[in-house]
All heavy atoms as atom14 arrays in JSON, in Angstrom:
{
  "sequence": "KTVISALHDLSLALQADRLIVMAAGRVHAQGACDDPLLHAALIDVF",
  "atom14_mask": [
    [1, 1, 1, 1, 1, 1, 1, 1, 1, 0, 0, 0, 0, 0],
    [1, 1, 1, 1, 1, 1, 1, 0, 0, 0, 0, 0, 0, 0],
    [1, 1, 1, 1, 1, 1, 1, 0, 0, 0, 0, 0, 0, 0],
    [1, 1, 1, 1, 1, 1, 1, 1, 0, 0, 0, 0, 0, 0],
    [1, 1, 1, 1, 1, 1, 0, 0, 0, 0, 0, 0, 0, 0],
    [1, 1, 1, 1, 1, 0, 0, 0, 0, 0, 0, 0, 0, 0],
    [1, 1, 1, 1, 1, 1, 1, 1, 0, 0, 0, 0, 0, 0],
    [1, 1, 1, 1, 1, 1, 1, 1, 1, 1, 0, 0, 0, 0],
    [1, 1, 1, 1, 1, 1, 1, 1, 0, 0, 0, 0, 0, 0],
    [1, 1, 1, 1, 1, 1, 1, 1, 0, 0, 0, 0, 0, 0],
    [1, 1, 1, 1, 1, 1, 0, 0, 0, 0, 0, 0, 0, 0],
    [1, 1, 1, 1, 1, 1, 1, 1, 0, 0, 0, 0, 0, 0],
    [1, 1, 1, 1, 1, 0, 0, 0, 0, 0, 0, 0, 0, 0],
    [1, 1, 1, 1, 1, 1, 1, 1, 0, 0, 0, 0, 0, 0],
    [1, 1, 1, 1, 1, 1, 1, 1, 1, 0, 0, 0, 0, 0],
    [1, 1, 1, 1, 1, 0, 0, 0, 0, 0, 0, 0, 0, 0],
    [1, 1, 1, 1, 1, 1, 1, 1, 0, 0, 0, 0, 0, 0],
    [1, 1, 1, 1, 1, 1, 1, 1, 1, 1, 1, 0, 0, 0],
    [1, 1, 1, 1, 1, 1, 1, 1, 0, 0, 0, 0, 0, 0],
    [1, 1, 1, 1, 1, 1, 1, 1, 0, 0, 0, 0, 0, 0],
    [1, 1, 1, 1, 1, 1, 1, 0, 0, 0, 0, 0, 0, 0],
    [1, 1, 1, 1, 1, 1, 1, 1, 0, 0, 0, 0, 0, 0],
    [1, 1, 1, 1, 1, 0, 0, 0, 0, 0, 0, 0, 0, 0],
    [1, 1, 1, 1, 1, 0, 0, 0, 0, 0, 0, 0, 0, 0],
    [1, 1, 1, 1, 0, 0, 0, 0, 0, 0, 0, 0, 0, 0],
    [1, 1, 1, 1, 1, 1, 1, 1, 1, 1, 1, 0, 0, 0],
    [1, 1, 1, 1, 1, 1, 1, 0, 0, 0, 0, 0, 0, 0],
    [1, 1, 1, 1, 1, 1, 1, 1, 1, 1, 0, 0, 0, 0],
    [1, 1, 1, 1, 1, 0, 0, 0, 0, 0, 0, 0, 0, 0],
    [1, 1, 1, 1, 1, 1, 1, 1, 1, 0, 0, 0, 0, 0],
    [1, 1, 1, 1, 0, 0, 0, 0, 0, 0, 0, 0, 0, 0],
    [1, 1, 1, 1, 1, 0, 0, 0, 0, 0, 0, 0, 0, 0],
    [1, 1, 1, 1, 1, 1, 0, 0, 0, 0, 0, 0, 0, 0],
    [1, 1, 1, 1, 1, 1, 1, 1, 0, 0, 0, 0, 0, 0],
    [1, 1, 1, 1, 1, 1, 1, 1, 0, 0, 0, 0, 0, 0],
    [1, 1, 1, 1, 1, 1, 1, 0, 0, 0, 0, 0, 0, 0],
    [1, 1, 1, 1, 1, 1, 1, 1, 0, 0, 0, 0, 0, 0],
    [1, 1, 1, 1, 1, 1, 1, 1, 0, 0, 0, 0, 0, 0],
    [1, 1, 1, 1, 1, 1, 1, 1, 1, 1, 0, 0, 0, 0],
    [1, 1, 1, 1, 1, 0, 0, 0, 0, 0, 0, 0, 0, 0],
    [1, 1, 1, 1, 1, 0, 0, 0, 0, 0, 0, 0, 0, 0],
    [1, 1, 1, 1, 1, 1, 1, 1, 0, 0, 0, 0, 0, 0],
    [1, 1, 1, 1, 1, 1, 1, 1, 0, 0, 0, 0, 0, 0],
    [1, 1, 1, 1, 1, 1, 1, 1, 0, 0, 0, 0, 0, 0],
    [1, 1, 1, 1, 1, 1, 1, 0, 0, 0, 0, 0, 0, 0],
    [1, 1, 1, 1, 1, 1, 1, 1, 1, 1, 1, 0, 0, 0]
  ],
  "atom14_positions": [
    [[156.83, 41.56, 65.04], [156.3, 42.92, 65.06], [157.11, 43.8, 66.02], [157.79, 43.33, 66.92], [154.83, 42.93, 65.45], [153.96, 42.18, 64.44], [152.53, 42.59, 64.48], [151.74, 41.92, 63.36], [150.35, 42.41, 63.29], [0.0, 0.0, 0.0], [0.0, 0.0, 0.0], [0.0, 0.0, 0.0], [0.0, 0.0, 0.0], [0.0, 0.0, 0.0]],
    [[157.03, 45.11, 65.77], [157.63, 46.1, 66.66], [156.52, 46.61, 67.57], [155.56, 47.22, 67.09], [158.24, 47.26, 65.87], [159.28, 46.76, 65.03], [158.82, 48.32, 66.78], [0.0, 0.0, 0.0], [0.0, 0.0, 0.0], [0.0, 0.0, 0.0], [0.0, 0.0, 0.0], [0.0, 0.0, 0.0], [0.0, 0.0, 0.0], [0.0, 0.0, 0.0]],
    [[156.65, 46.35, 68.86], [155.64, 46.77, 69.85], [156.31, 47.78, 70.77], [157.33, 47.48, 71.39], [155.12, 45.57, 70.66], [154.04, 46.03, 71.64], [154.58, 44.47, 69.74], [0.0, 0.0, 0.0], [0.0, 0.0, 0.0], [0.0, 0.0, 0.0], [0.0, 0.0, 0.0], [0.0, 0.0, 0.0], [0.0, 0.0, 0.0], [0.0, 0.0, 0.0]],
    [[155.74, 48.97, 70.85], [156.25, 50.02, 71.72], [155.11, 50.48, 72.6], [154.06, 50.91, 72.1], [156.8, 51.21, 70.91], [157.8, 50.74, 69.86], [157.46, 52.23, 71.85], [158.2, 51.82, 68.87], [0.0, 0.0, 0.0], [0.0, 0.0, 0.0], [0.0, 0.0, 0.0], [0.0, 0.0, 0.0], [0.0, 0.0, 0.0], [0.0, 0.0, 0.0]],
    [[155.29, 50.39, 73.92], [154.21, 50.78, 74.83], [154.77, 51.59, 75.98], [155.96, 51.5, 76.31], [153.49, 49.53, 75.37], [154.39, 48.68, 76.05], [0.0, 0.0, 0.0], [0.0, 0.0, 0.0], [0.0, 0.0, 0.0], [0.0, 0.0, 0.0], [0.0, 0.0, 0.0], [0.0, 0.0, 0.0], [0.0, 0.0, 0.0], [0.0, 0.0, 0.0]],
    [[153.92, 52.4, 76.57], [154.22, 53.08, 77.82], [153.44, 52.38, 78.92], [152.26, 52.05, 78.73], [153.84, 54.56, 77.76], [0.0, 0.0, 0.0], [0.0, 0.0, 0.0], [0.0, 0.0, 0.0], [0.0, 0.0, 0.0], [0.0, 0.0, 0.0], [0.0, 0.0, 0.0], [0.0, 0.0, 0.0], [0.0, 0.0, 0.0], [0.0, 0.0, 0.0]],
    [[154.09, 52.12, 80.05], [153.45, 51.44, 81.16], [153.84, 52.1, 82.47], [154.99, 52.5, 82.66], [153.84, 49.96, 81.22], [153.28, 49.01, 80.16], [153.88, 47.62, 80.36], [151.77, 48.95, 80.23], [0.0, 0.0, 0.0], [0.0, 0.0, 0.0], [0.0, 0.0, 0.0], [0.0, 0.0, 0.0], [0.0, 0.0, 0.0], [0.0, 0.0, 0.0]],
    [[152.87, 52.19, 83.39], [153.17, 52.62, 84.75], [153.61, 51.44, 85.62], [154.41, 51.61, 86.54], [151.94, 53.29, 85.39], [151.84, 54.74, 85.08], [150.92, 55.26, 84.19], [152.55, 55.8, 85.54], [151.07, 56.57, 84.12], [152.05, 56.92, 84.92], [0.0, 0.0, 0.0], [0.0, 0.0, 0.0], [0.0, 0.0, 0.0], [0.0, 0.0, 0.0]],
    [[153.06, 50.27, 85.36], [153.36, 49.1, 86.19], [154.74, 48.56, 85.83], [154.94, 47.94, 84.78], [152.29, 48.03, 85.96], [152.39, 46.89, 86.96], [153.51, 46.37, 87.14], [151.36, 46.51, 87.54], [0.0, 0.0, 0.0], [0.0, 0.0, 0.0], [0.0, 0.0, 0.0], [0.0, 0.0, 0.0], [0.0, 0.0, 0.0], [0.0, 0.0, 0.0]],
    [[155.7, 48.79, 86.72], [157.08, 48.43, 86.41], [157.29, 46.92, 86.34], [158.1, 46.43, 85.56], [158.02, 49.04, 87.45], [158.1, 50.57, 87.45], [159.06, 51.05, 88.53], [158.55, 51.1, 86.09], [0.0, 0.0, 0.0], [0.0, 0.0, 0.0], [0.0, 0.0, 0.0], [0.0, 0.0, 0.0], [0.0, 0.0, 0.0], [0.0, 0.0, 0.0]],
    [[156.57, 46.16, 87.17], [156.74, 44.71, 87.12], [156.27, 44.14, 85.79], [156.88, 43.22, 85.25], [156.0, 44.06, 88.29], [156.64, 44.37, 89.51], [0.0, 0.0, 0.0], [0.0, 0.0, 0.0], [0.0, 0.0, 0.0], [0.0, 0.0, 0.0], [0.0, 0.0, 0.0], [0.0, 0.0, 0.0], [0.0, 0.0, 0.0], [0.0, 0.0, 0.0]],
    [[155.18, 44.7, 85.24], [154.75, 44.28, 83.9], [155.76, 44.74, 82.86], [156.1, 44.0, 81.93], [153.37, 44.85, 83.59], [152.19, 44.31, 84.4], [150.9, 44.99, 83.96], [152.06, 42.8, 84.26], [0.0, 0.0, 0.0], [0.0, 0.0, 0.0], [0.0, 0.0, 0.0], [0.0, 0.0, 0.0], [0.0, 0.0, 0.0], [0.0, 0.0, 0.0]],
    [[156.27, 45.96, 83.01], [157.23, 46.5, 82.05], [158.49, 45.64, 81.99], [159.09, 45.46, 80.93], [157.59, 47.93, 82.42], [0.0, 0.0, 0.0], [0.0, 0.0, 0.0], [0.0, 0.0, 0.0], [0.0, 0.0, 0.0], [0.0, 0.0, 0.0], [0.0, 0.0, 0.0], [0.0, 0.0, 0.0], [0.0, 0.0, 0.0], [0.0, 0.0, 0.0]],
    [[158.89, 45.09, 83.13], [160.11, 44.28, 83.19], [159.96, 42.92, 82.49], [160.91, 42.15, 82.45], [160.53, 44.08, 84.64], [161.19, 45.31, 85.29], [161.19, 45.19, 86.8], [162.6, 45.51, 84.75], [0.0, 0.0, 0.0], [0.0, 0.0, 0.0], [0.0, 0.0, 0.0], [0.0, 0.0, 0.0], [0.0, 0.0, 0.0], [0.0, 0.0, 0.0]],
    [[158.79, 42.64, 81.94], [158.6, 41.42, 81.15], [158.89, 41.66, 79.67], [158.85, 40.72, 78.87], [157.16, 40.9, 81.3], [156.68, 40.78, 82.74], [157.65, 40.04, 83.63], [158.1, 38.94, 83.3], [158.01, 40.65, 84.76], [0.0, 0.0, 0.0], [0.0, 0.0, 0.0], [0.0, 0.0, 0.0], [0.0, 0.0, 0.0], [0.0, 0.0, 0.0]],
    [[159.18, 42.9, 79.3], [159.43, 43.23, 77.9], [160.85, 42.84, 77.5], [161.67, 42.42, 78.32], [159.2, 44.73, 77.68], [0.0, 0.0, 0.0], [0.0, 0.0, 0.0], [0.0, 0.0, 0.0], [0.0, 0.0, 0.0], [0.0, 0.0, 0.0], [0.0, 0.0, 0.0], [0.0, 0.0, 0.0], [0.0, 0.0, 0.0], [0.0, 0.0, 0.0]],
    [[161.15, 42.99, 76.21], [162.49, 42.72, 75.72], [163.45, 43.83, 76.08], [164.65, 43.6, 76.31], [162.47, 42.57, 74.18], [161.58, 41.43, 73.73], [161.75, 40.31, 74.24], [160.71, 41.66, 72.87], [0.0, 0.0, 0.0], [0.0, 0.0, 0.0], [0.0, 0.0, 0.0], [0.0, 0.0, 0.0], [0.0, 0.0, 0.0], [0.0, 0.0, 0.0]],
    [[162.93, 45.05, 76.13], [163.8, 46.23, 76.28], [163.02, 47.32, 77.0], [161.81, 47.49, 76.78], [164.22, 46.7, 74.9], [164.96, 48.03, 74.82], [165.1, 48.42, 73.36], [165.75, 49.69, 73.17], [165.46, 50.54, 72.18], [164.48, 50.24, 71.33], [166.11, 51.67, 72.04], [0.0, 0.0, 0.0], [0.0, 0.0, 0.0], [0.0, 0.0, 0.0]],
    [[163.7, 48.06, 77.86], [163.11, 49.2, 78.55], [163.84, 50.48, 78.15], [165.06, 50.48, 77.95], [163.21, 49.05, 80.07], [161.92, 48.66, 80.8], [161.43, 47.31, 80.33], [162.15, 48.67, 82.31], [0.0, 0.0, 0.0], [0.0, 0.0, 0.0], [0.0, 0.0, 0.0], [0.0, 0.0, 0.0], [0.0, 0.0, 0.0], [0.0, 0.0, 0.0]],
    [[163.08, 51.55, 78.03], [163.61, 52.9, 77.9], [163.17, 53.67, 79.13], [161.97, 53.77, 79.41], [163.1, 53.59, 76.61], [163.66, 52.86, 75.39], [163.5, 55.06, 76.59], [163.05, 53.33, 74.08], [0.0, 0.0, 0.0], [0.0, 0.0, 0.0], [0.0, 0.0, 0.0], [0.0, 0.0, 0.0], [0.0, 0.0, 0.0], [0.0, 0.0, 0.0]],
    [[164.12, 54.16, 79.9], [163.84, 54.86, 81.15], [163.92, 56.36, 80.89], [164.97, 56.86, 80.46], [164.83, 54.45, 82.25], [164.49, 55.18, 83.56], [164.82, 52.94, 82.46], [0.0, 0.0, 0.0], [0.0, 0.0, 0.0], [0.0, 0.0, 0.0], [0.0, 0.0, 0.0], [0.0, 0.0, 0.0], [0.0, 0.0, 0.0], [0.0, 0.0, 0.0]],
    [[162.81, 57.07, 81.16], [162.76, 58.51, 80.94], [162.51, 59.26, 82.24], [161.88, 58.73, 83.16], [161.67, 58.85, 79.92], [161.88, 58.29, 78.54], [160.7, 58.96, 77.34], [161.25, 60.68, 77.27], [0.0, 0.0, 0.0], [0.0, 0.0, 0.0], [0.0, 0.0, 0.0], [0.0, 0.0, 0.0], [0.0, 0.0, 0.0], [0.0, 0.0, 0.0]],
    [[162.98, 60.48, 82.28], [162.68, 61.4, 83.38], [162.87, 62.81, 82.85], [163.85, 63.08, 82.13], [163.56, 61.15, 84.59], [0.0, 0.0, 0.0], [0.0, 0.0, 0.0], [0.0, 0.0, 0.0], [0.0, 0.0, 0.0], [0.0, 0.0, 0.0], [0.0, 0.0, 0.0], [0.0, 0.0, 0.0], [0.0, 0.0, 0.0], [0.0, 0.0, 0.0]],
    [[161.94, 63.7, 83.18], [162.03, 65.11, 82.8], [162.29, 65.29, 81.3], [163.04, 66.18, 80.89], [163.1, 65.82, 83.62], [0.0, 0.0, 0.0], [0.0, 0.0, 0.0], [0.0, 0.0, 0.0], [0.0, 0.0, 0.0], [0.0, 0.0, 0.0], [0.0, 0.0, 0.0], [0.0, 0.0, 0.0], [0.0, 0.0, 0.0], [0.0, 0.0, 0.0]],
    [[161.68, 64.44, 80.48], [161.76, 64.6, 79.04], [163.03, 64.11, 78.39], [163.25, 64.36, 77.2], [0.0, 0.0, 0.0], [0.0, 0.0, 0.0], [0.0, 0.0, 0.0], [0.0, 0.0, 0.0], [0.0, 0.0, 0.0], [0.0, 0.0, 0.0], [0.0, 0.0, 0.0], [0.0, 0.0, 0.0], [0.0, 0.0, 0.0], [0.0, 0.0, 0.0]],
    [[163.85, 63.4, 79.16], [165.11, 62.91, 78.61], [165.2, 61.39, 78.79], [164.64, 60.84, 79.74], [166.3, 63.57, 79.31], [166.36, 65.08, 79.16], [167.58, 65.65, 79.86], [167.56, 67.1, 79.85], [168.01, 67.87, 78.86], [168.54, 67.29, 77.78], [167.95, 69.18, 78.92], [0.0, 0.0, 0.0], [0.0, 0.0, 0.0], [0.0, 0.0, 0.0]],
    [[165.94, 60.74, 77.91], [166.22, 59.32, 78.05], [167.39, 59.16, 79.01], [168.49, 59.66, 78.75], [166.55, 58.68, 76.69], [166.96, 57.22, 76.88], [165.35, 58.77, 75.76], [0.0, 0.0, 0.0], [0.0, 0.0, 0.0], [0.0, 0.0, 0.0], [0.0, 0.0, 0.0], [0.0, 0.0, 0.0], [0.0, 0.0, 0.0], [0.0, 0.0, 0.0]],
    [[167.15, 58.47, 80.14], [168.19, 58.26, 81.13], [168.91, 56.94, 80.95], [170.08, 56.81, 81.33], [167.6, 58.35, 82.54], [167.45, 59.76, 83.02], [168.1, 60.25, 84.12], [166.74, 60.8, 82.51], [167.78, 61.53, 84.29], [166.96, 61.87, 83.32], [0.0, 0.0, 0.0], [0.0, 0.0, 0.0], [0.0, 0.0, 0.0], [0.0, 0.0, 0.0]],
    [[168.24, 55.95, 80.41], [168.87, 54.65, 80.19], [167.99, 53.84, 79.25], [166.79, 54.1, 79.11], [169.05, 53.9, 81.51], [0.0, 0.0, 0.0], [0.0, 0.0, 0.0], [0.0, 0.0, 0.0], [0.0, 0.0, 0.0], [0.0, 0.0, 0.0], [0.0, 0.0, 0.0], [0.0, 0.0, 0.0], [0.0, 0.0, 0.0], [0.0, 0.0, 0.0]],
    [[168.59, 52.87, 78.62], [167.84, 51.9, 77.82], [168.63, 50.61, 77.79], [169.87, 50.62, 77.88], [167.6, 52.4, 76.4], [168.85, 52.78, 75.64], [168.52, 53.27, 74.23], [167.84, 52.58, 73.47], [168.99, 54.45, 73.89], [0.0, 0.0, 0.0], [0.0, 0.0, 0.0], [0.0, 0.0, 0.0], [0.0, 0.0, 0.0], [0.0, 0.0, 0.0]],
    [[167.92, 49.49, 77.73], [168.61, 48.22, 77.7], [167.68, 47.07, 77.99], [166.46, 47.24, 78.16], [0.0, 0.0, 0.0], [0.0, 0.0, 0.0], [0.0, 0.0, 0.0], [0.0, 0.0, 0.0], [0.0, 0.0, 0.0], [0.0, 0.0, 0.0], [0.0, 0.0, 0.0], [0.0, 0.0, 0.0], [0.0, 0.0, 0.0], [0.0, 0.0, 0.0]],
    [[168.27, 45.88, 78.06], [167.51, 44.67, 78.37], [167.02, 44.72, 79.81], [167.62, 45.37, 80.68], [168.37, 43.44, 78.14], [0.0, 0.0, 0.0], [0.0, 0.0, 0.0], [0.0, 0.0, 0.0], [0.0, 0.0, 0.0], [0.0, 0.0, 0.0], [0.0, 0.0, 0.0], [0.0, 0.0, 0.0], [0.0, 0.0, 0.0], [0.0, 0.0, 0.0]],
    [[165.93, 44.0, 80.06], [165.28, 44.08, 81.37], [166.06, 43.42, 82.49], [165.73, 43.59, 83.66], [163.87, 43.49, 81.29], [162.81, 44.46, 80.21], [0.0, 0.0, 0.0], [0.0, 0.0, 0.0], [0.0, 0.0, 0.0], [0.0, 0.0, 0.0], [0.0, 0.0, 0.0], [0.0, 0.0, 0.0], [0.0, 0.0, 0.0], [0.0, 0.0, 0.0]],
    [[167.11, 42.65, 82.15], [167.94, 42.04, 83.18], [169.26, 42.79, 83.38], [170.15, 42.3, 84.08], [168.22, 40.58, 82.85], [168.94, 40.4, 81.51], [169.14, 41.41, 80.8], [169.3, 39.26, 81.18], [0.0, 0.0, 0.0], [0.0, 0.0, 0.0], [0.0, 0.0, 0.0], [0.0, 0.0, 0.0], [0.0, 0.0, 0.0], [0.0, 0.0, 0.0]],
    [[169.38, 43.97, 82.81], [170.61, 44.76, 82.87], [170.71, 45.47, 84.22], [169.86, 46.31, 84.53], [170.62, 45.77, 81.72], [171.91, 46.56, 81.63], [172.7, 46.55, 82.6], [172.13, 47.2, 80.6], [0.0, 0.0, 0.0], [0.0, 0.0, 0.0], [0.0, 0.0, 0.0], [0.0, 0.0, 0.0], [0.0, 0.0, 0.0], [0.0, 0.0, 0.0]],
    [[171.74, 45.2, 85.03], [171.88, 45.86, 86.32], [171.97, 47.38, 86.22], [171.48, 48.09, 87.11], [173.19, 45.27, 86.89], [173.35, 43.96, 86.19], [172.79, 44.18, 84.82], [0.0, 0.0, 0.0], [0.0, 0.0, 0.0], [0.0, 0.0, 0.0], [0.0, 0.0, 0.0], [0.0, 0.0, 0.0], [0.0, 0.0, 0.0], [0.0, 0.0, 0.0]],
    [[172.59, 47.88, 85.16], [172.68, 49.33, 84.99], [171.3, 49.94, 84.74], [171.0, 51.04, 85.2], [173.63, 49.68, 83.85], [175.11, 49.33, 84.08], [175.93, 49.67, 82.84], [175.64, 50.06, 85.3], [0.0, 0.0, 0.0], [0.0, 0.0, 0.0], [0.0, 0.0, 0.0], [0.0, 0.0, 0.0], [0.0, 0.0, 0.0], [0.0, 0.0, 0.0]],
    [[170.46, 49.2, 84.01], [169.09, 49.66, 83.79], [168.32, 49.67, 85.11], [167.58, 50.61, 85.4], [168.39, 48.76, 82.79], [166.98, 49.23, 82.44], [166.98, 49.98, 81.12], [166.01, 48.07, 82.36], [0.0, 0.0, 0.0], [0.0, 0.0, 0.0], [0.0, 0.0, 0.0], [0.0, 0.0, 0.0], [0.0, 0.0, 0.0], [0.0, 0.0, 0.0]],
    [[168.5, 48.63, 85.92], [167.84, 48.59, 87.23], [168.26, 49.78, 88.09], [167.43, 50.41, 88.75], [168.19, 47.28, 87.96], [167.68, 46.06, 87.27], [168.0, 44.78, 87.68], [166.87, 45.9, 86.19], [167.41, 43.91, 86.89], [166.73, 44.56, 85.98], [0.0, 0.0, 0.0], [0.0, 0.0, 0.0], [0.0, 0.0, 0.0], [0.0, 0.0, 0.0]],
    [[169.54, 50.1, 88.06], [170.03, 51.25, 88.84], [169.39, 52.55, 88.35], [169.04, 53.42, 89.17], [171.55, 51.33, 88.74], [0.0, 0.0, 0.0], [0.0, 0.0, 0.0], [0.0, 0.0, 0.0], [0.0, 0.0, 0.0], [0.0, 0.0, 0.0], [0.0, 0.0, 0.0], [0.0, 0.0, 0.0], [0.0, 0.0, 0.0], [0.0, 0.0, 0.0]],
    [[169.21, 52.69, 87.03], [168.58, 53.89, 86.49], [167.12, 53.97, 86.92], [166.62, 55.07, 87.24], [168.69, 53.89, 84.97], [0.0, 0.0, 0.0], [0.0, 0.0, 0.0], [0.0, 0.0, 0.0], [0.0, 0.0, 0.0], [0.0, 0.0, 0.0], [0.0, 0.0, 0.0], [0.0, 0.0, 0.0], [0.0, 0.0, 0.0], [0.0, 0.0, 0.0]],
    [[166.43, 52.83, 86.93], [165.04, 52.81, 87.38], [164.93, 53.28, 88.83], [164.09, 54.12, 89.17], [164.46, 51.4, 87.26], [163.92, 50.97, 85.91], [163.57, 49.48, 85.94], [162.7, 51.79, 85.53], [0.0, 0.0, 0.0], [0.0, 0.0, 0.0], [0.0, 0.0, 0.0], [0.0, 0.0, 0.0], [0.0, 0.0, 0.0], [0.0, 0.0, 0.0]],
    [[165.78, 52.73, 89.67], [165.77, 53.11, 91.09], [166.05, 54.59, 91.24], [165.43, 55.3, 92.05], [166.78, 52.24, 91.88], [166.3, 50.79, 91.91], [166.97, 52.78, 93.3], [167.34, 49.81, 92.39], [0.0, 0.0, 0.0], [0.0, 0.0, 0.0], [0.0, 0.0, 0.0], [0.0, 0.0, 0.0], [0.0, 0.0, 0.0], [0.0, 0.0, 0.0]],
    [[166.98, 55.1, 90.43], [167.35, 56.51, 90.51], [166.21, 57.43, 90.12], [165.89, 58.39, 90.83], [168.57, 56.76, 89.62], [169.02, 58.2, 89.67], [169.29, 58.71, 90.78], [169.11, 58.83, 88.59], [0.0, 0.0, 0.0], [0.0, 0.0, 0.0], [0.0, 0.0, 0.0], [0.0, 0.0, 0.0], [0.0, 0.0, 0.0], [0.0, 0.0, 0.0]],
    [[165.56, 57.17, 88.94], [164.52, 58.09, 88.48], [163.27, 58.03, 89.36], [162.51, 59.0, 89.43], [164.15, 57.86, 87.0], [165.35, 58.03, 86.11], [163.47, 56.53, 86.79], [0.0, 0.0, 0.0], [0.0, 0.0, 0.0], [0.0, 0.0, 0.0], [0.0, 0.0, 0.0], [0.0, 0.0, 0.0], [0.0, 0.0, 0.0], [0.0, 0.0, 0.0]],
    [[163.09, 56.91, 90.07], [161.97, 56.82, 91.02], [162.41, 57.14, 92.45], [161.73, 56.81, 93.42], [161.31, 55.45, 90.93], [160.45, 55.28, 89.7], [160.94, 54.59, 88.59], [159.19, 55.83, 89.64], [160.17, 54.45, 87.45], [158.41, 55.7, 88.5], [158.89, 55.01, 87.39], [0.0, 0.0, 0.0], [0.0, 0.0, 0.0], [0.0, 0.0, 0.0]]
  ]
}
């Protein structure tokens, strides 16, 4: 199945297959949860 959810809890979110990182209505990054570039984007938007 295709499961798409929004979550505030980042530690739970990091258990997913893929994250989409948004800020101010734009997609800032997307990728696998072990991607260092995705981690950097998370740190940046927060």
